[in-house]
Structures are given as structure tokens and as C-alpha cells.
C-alpha atoms as a PDB file:
ATOM      1  CA  MET A   1     -21.881  -0.356  -6.930  1.00  0.00           C
ATOM      2  CA  LEU A   2     -19.965   1.533  -4.511  1.00  0.00           C
ATOM      3  CA  GLU A   3     -17.401  -1.156  -3.007  1.00  0.00           C
ATOM      4  CA  PRO A   4     -16.077  -2.149  -6.534  1.00  0.00           C
ATOM      5  CA  ALA A   5     -15.691   1.554  -7.532  1.00  0.00           C
ATOM      6  CA  MET A   6     -14.444   2.430  -4.449  1.00  0.00           C
ATOM      7  CA  LEU A   7     -11.757  -0.575  -4.919  1.00  0.00           C
ATOM      8  CA  LEU A   8     -10.943   0.379  -8.402  1.00  0.00           C
ATOM      9  CA  GLY A   9     -10.476   4.213  -7.276  1.00  0.00           C
ATOM     10  CA  LEU A  10      -8.456   3.419  -4.432  1.00  0.00           C
ATOM     11  CA  GLY A  11      -6.443   0.870  -6.440  1.00  0.00           C
ATOM     12  CA  ALA A  12      -5.560   3.620  -8.888  1.00  0.00           C
ATOM     13  CA  VAL A  13      -4.541   6.137  -6.513  1.00  0.00           C
ATOM     14  CA  ALA A  14      -2.466   2.899  -4.622  1.00  0.00           C
ATOM     15  CA  VAL A  15      -0.598   2.738  -8.305  1.00  0.00           C
ATOM     16  CA  TRP A  16      -0.342   6.109  -8.518  1.00  0.00           C
ATOM     17  CA  LEU A  17       1.354   6.704  -4.998  1.00  0.00           C
ATOM     18  CA  HIS A  18       3.820   3.818  -5.764  1.00  0.00           C
ATOM     19  CA  VAL A  19       4.784   5.527  -9.196  1.00  0.00           C
ATOM     20  CA  ARG A  20       4.987   9.181  -8.069  1.00  0.00           C
ATOM     21  CA  TYR A  21       6.625   8.606  -4.862  1.00  0.00           C
ATOM     22  CA  PRO A  22       9.635   5.847  -5.597  1.00  0.00           C
ATOM     23  CA  GLY A  23      11.336   7.105  -2.490  1.00  0.00           C
ATOM     24  CA  LEU A  24       8.437   5.393  -0.185  1.00  0.00           C
ATOM     25  CA  ARG A  25       9.352   1.942  -1.707  1.00  0.00           C
ATOM     26  CA  PRO A  26      10.421  -0.532   0.557  1.00  0.00           C
ATOM     27  CA  SER A  27      14.074  -1.704  -0.393  1.00  0.00           C
ATOM     28  CA  SER A  28      13.709  -5.373   0.588  1.00  0.00           C
ATOM     29  CA  LEU A  29      11.044  -8.523   0.046  1.00  0.00           C
ATOM     30  CA  GLY A  30      11.031  -8.638   4.045  1.00  0.00           C
ATOM     31  CA  ARG A  31      10.030  -5.194   4.213  1.00  0.00           C
ATOM     32  CA  ALA A  32       7.271  -4.962   2.016  1.00  0.00           C
ATOM     33  CA  ALA A  33       6.177  -8.142   3.541  1.00  0.00           C
ATOM     34  CA  LEU A  34       6.308  -6.365   6.763  1.00  0.00           C
ATOM     35  CA  ARG A  35       5.005  -3.486   5.435  1.00  0.00           C
ATOM     36  CA  VAL A  36       1.591  -5.699   4.366  1.00  0.00           C
ATOM     37  CA  PHE A  37       1.585  -7.125   8.034  1.00  0.00           C
ATOM     38  CA  VAL A  38       1.406  -3.639   9.304  1.00  0.00           C
ATOM     39  CA  SER A  39      -1.635  -2.535   6.913  1.00  0.00           C
ATOM     40  CA  PHE A  40      -3.522  -5.756   7.415  1.00  0.00           C
ATOM     41  CA  GLY A  41      -2.839  -5.218  11.379  1.00  0.00           C
ATOM     42  CA  ALA A  42      -4.208  -1.163  10.943  1.00  0.00           C
ATOM     43  CA  PHE A  43      -7.086  -2.411   9.080  1.00  0.00           C
ATOM     44  CA  ALA A  44      -8.388  -5.000  11.873  1.00  0.00           C
ATOM     45  CA  LEU A  45      -7.727  -2.268  14.512  1.00  0.00           C
ATOM     46  CA  LEU A  46     -10.020   0.157  12.390  1.00  0.00           C
ATOM     47  CA  PRO A  47     -13.210  -0.868  13.964  1.00  0.00           C
ATOM     48  CA  ALA A  48     -11.835  -0.449  17.509  1.00  0.00           C
ATOM     49  CA  VAL A  49     -10.186   2.968  16.549  1.00  0.00           C
ATOM     50  CA  LEU A  50     -13.512   4.220  15.269  1.00  0.00           C
ATOM     51  CA  GLY A  51     -15.456   2.983  18.324  1.00  0.00           C
ATOM     52  CA  PHE A  52     -13.025   5.531  20.367  1.00  0.00           C
ATOM     53  CA  LEU A  53     -12.808   8.192  17.972  1.00  0.00           C
ATOM     54  CA  LEU A  54     -16.585   8.549  16.959  1.00  0.00           C
ATOM     55  CA  GLN A  55     -17.003   9.044  20.657  1.00  0.00           C
ATOM     56  CA  LEU A  56     -15.143  12.090  20.609  1.00  0.00           C
ATOM     57  CA  ALA A  57     -16.775  13.757  17.461  1.00  0.00           C
ATOM     58  CA  PRO A  58     -18.512  16.954  17.888  1.00  0.00           C
ATOM     59  CA  ALA A  59     -21.506  16.229  15.823  1.00  0.00           C
ATOM     60  CA  SER A  60     -23.555  13.029  14.470  1.00  0.00           C
ATOM     61  CA  THR A  61     -23.897  14.309  10.861  1.00  0.00           C
ATOM     62  CA  LEU A  62     -19.974  14.443  10.431  1.00  0.00           C
ATOM     63  CA  ARG A  63     -19.766  10.521  11.490  1.00  0.00           C
ATOM     64  CA  PRO A  64     -19.917   8.845   8.083  1.00  0.00           C
ATOM     65  CA  TYR A  65     -17.609  11.235   6.509  1.00  0.00           C
ATOM     66  CA  PHE A  66     -15.275  10.406   9.493  1.00  0.00           C
ATOM     67  CA  VAL A  67     -15.793   6.702   9.024  1.00  0.00           C
ATOM     68  CA  LEU A  68     -15.463   7.117   5.009  1.00  0.00           C
ATOM     69  CA  ALA A  69     -12.121   9.148   5.362  1.00  0.00           C
ATOM     70  CA  LEU A  70      -9.926   6.846   7.851  1.00  0.00           C
ATOM     71  CA  LEU A  71     -11.604   3.748   5.581  1.00  0.00           C
ATOM     72  CA  MET A  72     -10.423   5.407   2.318  1.00  0.00           C
ATOM     73  CA  LEU A  73      -6.937   5.871   4.240  1.00  0.00           C
ATOM     74  CA  THR A  74      -6.375   2.771   5.400  1.00  0.00           C
ATOM     75  CA  LEU A  75      -7.902   0.793   2.716  1.00  0.00           C
ATOM     76  CA  THR A  76      -5.412   2.505   0.479  1.00  0.00           C
ATOM     77  CA  TYR A  77      -2.584   1.870   2.662  1.00  0.00           C
ATOM     78  CA  VAL A  78      -3.615  -1.820   2.458  1.00  0.00           C
ATOM     79  CA  LEU A  79      -3.833  -1.817  -1.662  1.00  0.00           C
ATOM     80  CA  LEU A  80      -0.281   0.404  -1.458  1.00  0.00           C
ATOM     81  CA  SER A  81       1.464  -2.401   0.373  1.00  0.00           C
ATOM     82  CA  TRP A  82       0.526  -5.103  -1.829  1.00  0.00           C
ATOM     83  CA  VAL A  83       1.501  -3.163  -4.759  1.00  0.00           C
ATOM     84  CA  TRP A  84       4.803  -2.644  -3.197  1.00  0.00           C
ATOM     85  CA  LEU A  85       5.028  -6.144  -2.256  1.00  0.00           C
ATOM     86  CA  ILE A  86       4.297  -7.315  -5.879  1.00  0.00           C
ATOM     87  CA  ALA A  87       6.685  -4.924  -7.162  1.00  0.00           C
ATOM     88  CA  ARG A  88       8.979  -5.729  -4.989  1.00  0.00           C
ATOM     89  CA  ILE A  89       8.890  -9.578  -5.968  1.00  0.00           C
ATOM     90  CA  LEU A  90       8.841  -8.405  -9.910  1.00  0.00           C
ATOM     91  CA  HIS A  91      12.096  -6.470  -9.514  1.00  0.00           C
ATOM     92  CA  ASP A  92      13.716  -9.164  -7.470  1.00  0.00           C
ATOM     93  CA  LEU A  93      13.190 -11.957  -9.976  1.00  0.00           C
ATOM     94  CA  LEU A  94      13.010 -10.117 -13.320  1.00  0.00           C
ATOM     95  CA  GLY A  95      15.418  -7.103 -12.641  1.00  0.00           C
ATOM     96  CA  GLY A  96      18.639  -6.507 -10.935  1.00  0.00           C
ATOM     97  CA  THR A  97      21.965  -7.626 -11.467  1.00  0.00           C
ATOM     98  CA  PRO A  98      22.703  -9.853 -14.445  1.00  0.00           C
ATOM     99  CA  ARG A  99      22.939 -13.469 -13.772  1.00  0.00           C
ATOM    100  CA  GLY A 100      25.131 -16.099 -15.250  1.00  0.00           C
ATOM    101  CA  GLY A 101      26.632 -15.883 -18.893  1.00  0.00           C
ATOM    102  CA  HIS A 102      30.335 -15.610 -20.210  1.00  0.00           C
ATOM    103  CA  PRO A 103      31.962 -12.206 -19.243  1.00  0.00           C
ATOM    104  CA  VAL A 104      32.437  -9.768 -21.984  1.00  0.00           C
ATOM    105  CA  ALA A 105      35.885  -8.333 -22.211  1.00  0.00           C
ATOM    106  CA  SER A 106      35.841  -4.821 -22.916  1.00  0.00           C
ATOM    107  CA  LYS A 107      37.944  -3.214 -25.601  1.00  0.00           C
ATOM    108  CA  ALA A 108      39.445  -0.135 -24.123  1.00  0.00           C
END
């Protein structure tokens, strides 16, 4: 039950970050895809980084909390990057400038 609950909770945090901080959103589809690749890279490097950083941890009782904190941060970034990518795709497909149709003359 921990894994689905953590994914749902971190997914909710990712959606909240997307809505709360619109200035962090990528401005193009390429940048959104790049952020997805960077997030996957960070998530893939997490075991190596943890192996190095856990040796520097002062007490063995704090190590699980340290691992959980870094896991939650990187997993939130993975989910947030996917939210950004999906939002960018939807914006490019459905939103933006109008396409086609007849020009309307203004009556000024």
C-alpha cells in the first residue's frame, strides 16, 4: 500500500506545483521533453548518489529518512516533468492561436 499511496500523493504534489507555479513551466515541447529526459537521468543516478552520500551520513538511524527524502524529491520531479510534457502537448494541440476560418472585419 505504500507505493500506490506515495505515487498518488507525489502526483498530487506535482499537479499542485504545476498549477501554483506557472513560471516554471517549459515554454516549448522540446524543453518539456528535455526535462523528462533529465528527470529520468536523475532518477537513474539516484542509487549511485545514495551509495556515495549514505557513507557520509552521521548515524545509521537517519539513513532511511535520507533515502526516502531523496527518493520523494526525484520521483516528484519525474512526475512533474510528465505533467509539464502532457500539458505542453495539450496546449499545442488544443490551445494557442486560432487556425483556419475566415477573417472577421471589425466594425470600428
